[in-house]
């Protein structure tokens, strides 16, 4: 059986489609859950007079995670566009 060779652009496209993008979607979903959990904690502690810092920290980390994943997506788009231009 002959083996098909992939060009670097095709290999990068397959890796991106099969592994990287699903992983990025999972991580963005996790970051959104952390952010929402921070909102829940903040509102719960606000109504009970508890410490608000924990909820604020989770919201901050959730936003940071979303930002990092958006930046990673942009970087992958640039790399993919560069490889497709060859």
Protein backbone atom coordinates (compact mmCIF):
# COMPACT_ATOMS: atom_id res chain seq x y z
CA UNK A 1 0.00 0.00 0.00
CA UNK A 2 1.56 3.32 -1.01
CA UNK A 3 1.82 5.97 1.64
CA UNK A 4 0.69 9.48 0.84
CA UNK A 5 3.03 12.25 1.82
CA UNK A 6 1.61 15.43 3.18
CA UNK A 7 2.96 18.86 2.50
CA UNK A 8 3.82 20.96 5.54
CA UNK A 9 0.71 23.09 4.97
CA UNK A 10 -1.55 20.02 4.72
CA UNK A 11 0.01 18.48 7.83
CA UNK A 12 -0.41 21.72 9.76
CA UNK A 13 -4.00 21.97 8.57
CA UNK A 14 -4.81 18.45 9.72
CA UNK A 15 -3.12 18.90 13.09
CA UNK A 16 -4.96 22.15 13.58
CA UNK A 17 -8.33 20.73 12.63
CA UNK A 18 -8.06 17.46 14.53
CA UNK A 19 -6.12 18.39 17.67
CA UNK A 20 -5.53 22.07 18.25
CA UNK A 21 -8.95 23.62 17.56
CA UNK A 22 -10.92 21.08 19.64
CA UNK A 23 -8.42 21.55 22.47
CA UNK A 24 -8.79 25.33 22.20
CA UNK A 25 -12.59 25.06 22.32
CA UNK A 26 -12.31 22.91 25.44
CA UNK A 27 -9.97 25.40 27.13
CA UNK A 28 -12.15 28.38 26.23
CA UNK A 29 -15.13 26.54 27.67
CA UNK A 30 -13.16 25.87 30.84
CA UNK A 31 -12.16 29.55 31.08
CA UNK A 32 -15.79 30.60 30.67
CA UNK A 33 -16.81 28.17 33.42
CA UNK A 34 -14.14 29.61 35.74
CA UNK A 35 -15.40 33.12 34.98
CA UNK A 36 -19.04 32.17 35.62
CA UNK A 37 -18.05 30.36 38.82
CA UNK A 38 -16.28 33.56 39.92
CA UNK A 39 -19.47 35.53 39.31
CA UNK A 40 -21.46 33.02 41.36
CA UNK A 41 -18.93 33.15 44.20
CA UNK A 42 -18.82 36.94 44.12
CA UNK A 43 -22.60 37.29 44.24
CA UNK A 44 -22.93 34.63 46.95
CA UNK A 45 -20.30 36.32 49.12
CA UNK A 46 -21.76 39.75 48.40
CA UNK A 47 -25.15 38.71 49.73
CA UNK A 48 -23.73 36.88 52.75
CA UNK A 49 -21.11 39.50 53.62
CA UNK A 50 -18.24 37.09 52.99
CA UNK A 51 -14.85 37.74 51.44
CA UNK A 52 -15.23 38.93 47.85
CA UNK A 53 -11.63 38.40 46.74
CA UNK A 54 -12.04 34.73 45.81
CA UNK A 55 -14.80 35.49 43.32
CA UNK A 56 -12.84 38.41 41.89
CA UNK A 57 -9.78 36.20 41.43
CA UNK A 58 -11.77 33.54 39.58
CA UNK A 59 -13.34 36.15 37.31
CA UNK A 60 -9.90 37.62 36.59
CA UNK A 61 -8.39 34.22 35.80
CA UNK A 62 -11.36 33.33 33.60
CA UNK A 63 -10.92 36.53 31.58
CA UNK A 64 -7.17 35.92 31.36
CA UNK A 65 -7.81 32.39 30.07
CA UNK A 66 -10.23 33.63 27.42
CA UNK A 67 -7.73 36.29 26.35
CA UNK A 68 -4.87 33.79 26.12
CA UNK A 69 -6.94 31.40 24.02
CA UNK A 70 -8.05 34.22 21.70
CA UNK A 71 -4.40 35.19 21.25
CA UNK A 72 -3.44 31.56 20.59
CA UNK A 73 -6.20 31.30 17.99
CA UNK A 74 -4.90 34.44 16.26
CA UNK A 75 -1.34 33.09 16.28
CA UNK A 76 -2.47 29.80 14.76
CA UNK A 77 -4.38 31.65 12.07
CA UNK A 78 -1.25 33.63 11.20
CA UNK A 79 0.88 30.48 11.10
CA UNK A 80 -1.68 28.67 8.97
CA UNK A 81 -1.94 31.60 6.58
CA UNK A 82 1.84 31.75 6.32
CA UNK A 83 2.13 28.03 5.58
CA UNK A 84 -0.67 28.20 3.01
CA UNK A 85 1.15 30.98 1.13
CA UNK A 86 4.05 28.66 0.21
